[in-house]
N, C-alpha and C. Protein backbone atom coordinates (compact mmCIF):
# COMPACT_ATOMS: atom_id res chain seq x y z
N UNK A 1 0.71 -1.55 -0.01
CA UNK A 1 0.28 0.35 0.19
C UNK A 1 1.14 1.30 0.14
N UNK A 2 0.65 1.88 -0.94
CA UNK A 2 1.26 3.24 -1.28
C UNK A 2 0.91 4.48 0.07
N UNK A 3 1.90 5.55 0.12
CA UNK A 3 1.35 6.67 0.76
C UNK A 3 0.06 7.39 0.55
N UNK A 4 -0.21 7.57 -1.07
CA UNK A 4 -1.70 8.18 -1.26
C UNK A 4 -2.43 7.04 -1.03
N UNK A 5 -2.59 6.15 -1.18
CA UNK A 5 -3.48 4.84 -0.91
C UNK A 5 -3.65 5.01 0.96
N UNK A 6 -2.62 5.01 1.75
CA UNK A 6 -2.81 5.27 2.94
C UNK A 6 -3.44 6.30 3.07
N UNK A 7 -3.18 7.77 2.49
CA UNK A 7 -3.84 9.29 2.86
C UNK A 7 -5.03 9.19 2.78
N UNK A 8 -5.52 8.01 1.70
CA UNK A 8 -6.85 8.49 1.13
C UNK A 8 -7.58 7.37 2.37
N UNK A 9 -7.35 6.55 2.47
CA UNK A 9 -7.80 5.52 3.86
C UNK A 9 -7.93 6.48 5.16
N UNK A 10 -6.63 6.96 5.23
CA UNK A 10 -6.68 8.04 6.74
C UNK A 10 -7.93 9.09 6.51
N UNK A 11 -7.93 9.71 5.32
CA UNK A 11 -9.23 10.85 5.14
C UNK A 11 -10.56 10.16 5.36
N UNK A 12 -10.80 9.04 4.54
CA UNK A 12 -12.06 8.09 4.75
C UNK A 12 -12.42 7.42 6.36
N UNK A 13 -11.47 7.39 6.94
CA UNK A 13 -11.65 7.20 8.30
C UNK A 13 -12.18 8.03 9.37
N UNK A 14 -11.35 9.43 9.13
CA UNK A 14 -11.40 10.68 9.56
C UNK A 14 -12.75 10.96 9.57
N UNK A 15 -13.05 11.47 7.84
CA UNK A 15 -14.13 11.38 7.57
C UNK A 15 -15.43 10.63 8.44
N UNK A 16 -15.16 9.81 8.71
CA UNK A 16 -16.44 8.72 8.91
C UNK A 16 -16.10 9.14 10.68
N UNK A 17 -15.02 9.22 11.28
CA UNK A 17 -15.22 9.84 12.52
C UNK A 17 -15.75 11.26 12.79
N UNK A 18 -15.74 12.10 12.21
CA UNK A 18 -16.18 13.48 12.01
C UNK A 18 -18.16 13.36 12.27
N UNK A 19 -18.52 12.42 10.75
CA UNK A 19 -20.12 12.20 10.69
C UNK A 19 -20.34 11.86 11.95
N UNK A 20 -19.54 10.75 12.81
CA UNK A 20 -19.82 10.21 13.71
C UNK A 20 -20.18 10.95 14.97
N UNK A 21 -19.24 11.92 15.48
CA UNK A 21 -19.44 12.77 16.07
C UNK A 21 -20.05 13.82 15.80
N UNK A 22 -20.85 14.48 14.71
CA UNK A 22 -21.72 15.03 14.57
C UNK A 22 -23.04 14.27 14.81
N UNK A 23 -22.96 13.02 14.29
CA UNK A 23 -24.14 12.77 15.16
C UNK A 23 -24.37 12.34 16.14
N UNK A 24 -23.50 12.17 17.25
CA UNK A 24 -23.74 12.06 18.27
C UNK A 24 -23.82 13.52 19.27
N UNK A 25 -23.05 14.23 18.53
CA UNK A 25 -23.69 15.66 18.86
C UNK A 25 -24.91 16.11 19.31
N UNK A 26 -25.54 15.61 18.07
CA UNK A 26 -26.98 15.73 17.60
C UNK A 26 -28.22 14.98 17.97
N UNK A 27 -27.36 13.55 18.62
CA UNK A 27 -28.00 12.96 19.71
C UNK A 27 -28.08 13.38 21.15
N UNK A 28 -27.31 14.02 21.62
CA UNK A 28 -26.90 14.77 22.92
C UNK A 28 -27.68 15.75 22.94
N UNK A 29 -27.90 16.40 22.13
CA UNK A 29 -28.26 17.54 22.30
C UNK A 29 -30.02 17.32 22.55
N UNK A 30 -30.64 16.51 21.37
CA UNK A 30 -31.93 16.01 21.32
C UNK A 30 -32.36 15.43 22.83
N UNK A 31 -31.10 14.26 23.67
CA UNK A 31 -31.62 13.92 24.74
C UNK A 31 -31.43 14.60 25.80
N UNK A 32 -30.53 15.70 25.58
CA UNK A 32 -30.55 16.90 26.68
C UNK A 32 -32.26 17.37 26.97
N UNK A 33 -32.52 17.72 25.07
CA UNK A 33 -33.91 18.46 25.85
C UNK A 33 -34.94 18.05 26.03
N UNK A 34 -35.12 16.46 25.75
CA UNK A 34 -35.95 15.68 26.46
C UNK A 34 -35.83 15.62 28.02
N UNK A 35 -34.47 15.52 28.47
CA UNK A 35 -34.49 15.91 29.63
C UNK A 35 -34.88 16.63 30.37
N UNK A 36 -34.80 18.08 29.62
CA UNK A 36 -35.25 18.75 29.97
C UNK A 36 -37.27 18.87 30.08
N UNK A 37 -37.40 18.75 29.32
CA UNK A 37 -38.76 18.74 29.18
C UNK A 37 -39.50 17.46 30.47
N UNK A 38 -38.63 16.14 30.41
CA UNK A 38 -39.09 14.71 31.66
C UNK A 38 -38.96 15.56 32.77
N UNK A 39 -37.83 16.64 32.94
CA UNK A 39 -37.56 17.33 34.49
C UNK A 39 -38.72 18.11 34.62
N UNK A 40 -38.92 19.29 33.47
CA UNK A 40 -40.06 20.08 34.10
C UNK A 40 -41.33 19.30 34.36
N UNK A 41 -41.59 18.21 33.48
CA UNK A 41 -43.06 17.59 33.71
C UNK A 41 -42.74 16.92 34.91
N UNK A 42 -41.59 16.24 35.28
CA UNK A 42 -41.63 15.81 36.85
C UNK A 42 -41.64 17.24 38.30
N UNK A 43 -41.55 18.19 37.65
CA UNK A 43 -41.66 18.95 38.60
C UNK A 43 -43.03 19.46 38.81
N UNK A 44 -43.80 19.42 37.46
CA UNK A 44 -45.04 20.02 37.25
C UNK A 44 -46.04 18.96 38.29
N UNK A 45 -45.86 17.60 38.00
CA UNK A 45 -45.93 16.73 38.81
C UNK A 45 -46.54 16.33 40.47
N UNK A 46 -44.85 17.13 40.86
CA UNK A 46 -44.56 17.10 41.89
C UNK A 46 -45.25 18.42 42.74
N UNK A 47 -45.26 19.03 42.34
CA UNK A 47 -46.44 20.12 42.27
C UNK A 47 -47.86 19.93 42.38
N UNK A 48 -48.28 19.39 41.56
CA UNK A 48 -49.51 18.69 41.54
C UNK A 48 -49.56 17.46 43.25
N UNK A 49 -49.11 16.93 42.75
CA UNK A 49 -48.66 15.87 44.01
C UNK A 49 -48.92 16.56 45.37
N UNK A 50 -48.18 17.47 45.93
CA UNK A 50 -48.03 18.47 46.83
C UNK A 50 -49.34 18.98 46.82
N UNK A 51 -50.15 19.59 46.04
CA UNK A 51 -51.41 20.24 45.98
C UNK A 51 -52.46 18.93 46.50
N UNK A 52 -52.78 18.21 45.65
CA UNK A 52 -53.27 17.18 46.41
C UNK A 52 -53.17 16.80 47.38
N UNK A 53 -51.89 16.72 48.01
CA UNK A 53 -51.69 15.85 49.47
C UNK A 53 -52.22 17.03 50.38
N UNK A 54 -51.90 18.04 50.48
CA UNK A 54 -52.43 19.30 51.42
C UNK A 54 -53.89 19.33 51.03
N UNK A 55 -55.05 18.63 49.91
CA UNK A 55 -56.34 19.18 49.61
C UNK A 55 -56.93 17.94 50.44
N UNK A 56 -55.92 16.72 50.55
CA UNK A 56 -56.44 15.65 51.03
C UNK A 56 -55.86 15.98 52.42
N UNK A 57 -55.23 16.58 52.73
CA UNK A 57 -54.83 17.00 54.49
C UNK A 57 -56.12 17.57 55.03
N UNK A 58 -56.92 18.46 53.99
CA UNK A 58 -57.58 19.55 54.39
C UNK A 58 -59.31 18.51 54.12
N UNK A 59 -59.51 17.94 53.74
CA UNK A 59 -60.47 17.09 53.70
C UNK A 59 -60.49 15.64 54.37
N UNK A 60 -59.68 15.62 55.16
CA UNK A 60 -59.66 14.91 56.30
C UNK A 60 -60.05 15.42 57.41
N UNK A 61 -59.14 16.37 57.83
CA UNK A 61 -59.92 17.19 58.55
C UNK A 61 -61.36 17.86 58.71
N UNK A 62 -61.72 18.03 57.71
CA UNK A 62 -63.24 18.72 57.36
C UNK A 62 -63.81 17.15 58.02
N UNK A 63 -63.79 16.26 57.29
CA UNK A 63 -64.62 14.53 57.75
C UNK A 63 -64.46 14.50 59.34
N UNK A 64 -63.26 14.83 60.05
CA UNK A 64 -62.65 14.58 61.24
C UNK A 64 -63.82 15.49 61.95
N UNK A 65 -63.53 16.64 61.83
CA UNK A 65 -64.40 17.57 62.40
C UNK A 65 -65.59 17.03 62.62
N UNK A 66 -66.06 16.62 61.26
CA UNK A 66 -67.95 16.78 60.89
C UNK A 66 -68.36 15.51 61.79
N UNK A 67 -66.92 14.43 62.01
CA UNK A 67 -67.77 13.53 62.36
C UNK A 67 -67.82 13.41 63.89
N UNK A 68 -67.23 14.37 65.19
CA UNK A 68 -66.83 14.40 66.23
C UNK A 68 -68.26 15.77 66.18
N UNK A 69 -68.72 16.18 65.22
CA UNK A 69 -69.65 17.19 65.73
C UNK A 69 -70.97 16.23 65.82
N UNK A 70 -70.82 15.07 64.44
CA UNK A 70 -72.15 14.22 64.84
C UNK A 70 -72.38 13.34 66.36
N UNK A 71 -70.47 13.23 66.55
CA UNK A 71 -70.77 12.57 68.44
C UNK A 71 -71.29 13.23 69.15
N UNK A 72 -71.23 14.60 69.02
CA UNK A 72 -71.62 15.50 69.88
C UNK A 72 -73.01 15.71 70.12
N UNK A 73 -73.70 15.49 68.85
CA UNK A 73 -75.16 15.24 69.06
C UNK A 73 -75.97 14.14 69.84
N UNK A 74 -75.09 13.19 70.05
CA UNK A 74 -75.65 12.05 70.09
C UNK A 74 -76.43 11.55 69.51
N UNK A 75 -76.75 11.21 68.82
CA UNK A 75 -77.42 10.01 67.45
C UNK A 75 -77.57 9.27 67.90
N UNK A 76 -76.98 8.66 68.50
CA UNK A 76 -76.83 6.40 68.76
C UNK A 76 -78.63 6.29 69.31
N UNK A 77 -78.88 7.19 69.67
CA UNK A 77 -80.22 6.74 70.34
C UNK A 77 -81.64 6.50 69.00
N UNK A 78 -81.24 7.03 68.13
CA UNK A 78 -82.13 6.94 67.23
C UNK A 78 -81.86 5.41 66.57
N UNK A 79 -81.28 5.12 66.62
CA UNK A 79 -81.09 3.27 66.24
C UNK A 79 -81.45 3.58 64.29
N UNK A 80 -82.03 2.96 64.15
CA UNK A 80 -82.09 3.07 62.75
C UNK A 80 -83.45 3.22 62.24
N UNK A 81 -83.70 4.65 62.54
CA UNK A 81 -84.31 5.91 61.97
C UNK A 81 -84.06 6.15 61.03
N UNK A 82 -85.01 5.74 59.56
CA UNK A 82 -84.93 6.27 58.48
C UNK A 82 -84.42 5.41 57.60
N UNK A 83 -83.86 4.03 57.84
CA UNK A 83 -83.65 3.29 57.00
C UNK A 83 -84.36 2.76 56.43
N UNK A 84 -84.10 1.97 55.51
CA UNK A 84 -84.78 1.23 54.72
C UNK A 84 -84.53 -0.25 54.92
N UNK A 85 -85.60 -1.36 55.15
CA UNK A 85 -85.40 -2.60 54.75
C UNK A 85 -85.24 -2.96 53.77
N UNK A 86 -84.69 -4.52 53.32
CA UNK A 86 -84.58 -5.16 52.51
C UNK A 86 -86.09 -4.97 51.11
N UNK A 87 -86.98 -5.36 51.36
CA UNK A 87 -87.93 -5.32 50.87
C UNK A 87 -88.26 -4.16 50.57
N UNK A 88 -87.84 -2.91 51.16
CA UNK A 88 -88.14 -1.72 50.42
C UNK A 88 -87.25 -1.05 49.76
N UNK A 89 -85.89 -1.41 49.82
CA UNK A 89 -84.77 -1.37 48.89
C UNK A 89 -85.58 -2.14 47.42
N UNK A 90 -85.77 -2.89 47.68
CA UNK A 90 -86.04 -3.90 46.37
C UNK A 90 -86.91 -3.03 46.19
N UNK A 91 -88.03 -2.85 46.64
CA UNK A 91 -89.18 -1.94 45.44
C UNK A 91 -89.04 -0.96 45.17
N UNK A 92 -87.93 -0.15 45.80
CA UNK A 92 -87.16 1.09 45.20
C UNK A 92 -86.50 1.06 43.93
N UNK A 93 -85.72 -0.05 43.84
CA UNK A 93 -84.91 -0.67 43.29
C UNK A 93 -85.02 -0.60 41.63
N UNK A 94 -86.40 -1.43 42.02
CA UNK A 94 -87.82 -2.29 40.75
C UNK A 94 -88.16 -0.95 39.75
N UNK A 95 -88.61 0.02 40.97
CA UNK A 95 -89.21 0.89 40.35
C UNK A 95 -88.39 1.83 39.84
N UNK A 96 -87.17 2.17 40.29
CA UNK A 96 -85.79 2.79 38.99
C UNK A 96 -85.85 1.85 37.87
N UNK A 97 -85.55 0.77 38.06
CA UNK A 97 -85.42 -0.04 36.97
C UNK A 97 -86.37 -0.09 35.84
N UNK A 98 -87.95 -0.07 35.96
CA UNK A 98 -89.06 -0.32 35.54
C UNK A 98 -89.22 1.35 34.70
N UNK A 99 -88.56 2.38 35.43
CA UNK A 99 -88.89 4.03 34.90
C UNK A 99 -90.60 4.14 35.59
N UNK A 100 -90.66 3.29 36.52
CA UNK A 100 -92.56 3.40 36.97
C UNK A 100 -93.26 3.12 36.22
N UNK A 101 -94.36 3.29 36.52
CA UNK A 101 -95.91 2.86 36.06
C UNK A 101 -96.67 4.31 35.94
N UNK A 102 -97.67 4.53 35.44
CA UNK A 102 -98.78 4.99 35.28
C UNK A 102 -99.58 4.79 36.52
N UNK A 103 -100.07 3.27 37.07
CA UNK A 103 -100.56 2.96 38.25
C UNK A 103 -99.81 3.51 39.54
N UNK A 104 -98.31 3.77 39.35
CA UNK A 104 -97.58 4.60 40.84
C UNK A 104 -97.72 5.77 41.48
N UNK A 105 -98.83 6.44 40.55
CA UNK A 105 -98.87 7.92 40.89
C UNK A 105 -100.03 8.53 39.87
N UNK A 106 -100.74 9.15 40.47
CA UNK A 106 -101.97 10.04 39.91
C UNK A 106 -101.62 10.90 39.31
N UNK A 107 -102.28 11.13 37.90
CA UNK A 107 -102.07 12.58 36.99
C UNK A 107 -103.25 12.90 37.01
N UNK A 108 -103.47 14.35 36.46
CA UNK A 108 -104.73 15.01 35.92
C UNK A 108 -104.94 15.32 34.66
N UNK A 109 -103.82 14.55 34.19
CA UNK A 109 -104.13 14.33 32.61
C UNK A 109 -105.61 14.04 32.10
N UNK A 110 -106.23 13.50 32.51
CA UNK A 110 -107.36 12.88 32.19
C UNK A 110 -108.85 13.20 32.74
N UNK A 111 -108.53 14.24 33.36
CA UNK A 111 -109.59 15.17 34.18
C UNK A 111 -109.77 16.53 33.88
N UNK A 112 -111.09 16.94 34.07
CA UNK A 112 -111.14 18.26 33.93
C UNK A 112 -111.03 18.84 34.87
N UNK A 113 -110.55 20.25 34.55
CA UNK A 113 -109.93 20.79 35.73
C UNK A 113 -111.13 22.30 35.86
């Protein structure tokens, strides 16, 4: 192999190395941008998590205060006042499913006023 051939081979290798370096720089730049985007998104999510945690704490405090207020009212003596037994619940569910019927309630459509 002559000196000229060696120089051309070396020049080709240098050109390939330059192309590879340029491609790696471009890849690095793209990855840096993506990292910035992911970091910003992560910060936004962290802020949302912190806000949600604070909101949850406020809600828990409100529920706790409401339960304490109910306890102070002493409603334990009322028993099952206002609760429906299973037959009443089933009838209500069937009414909801069937959409009711004309026999279930009176209307004034057929009466003269």
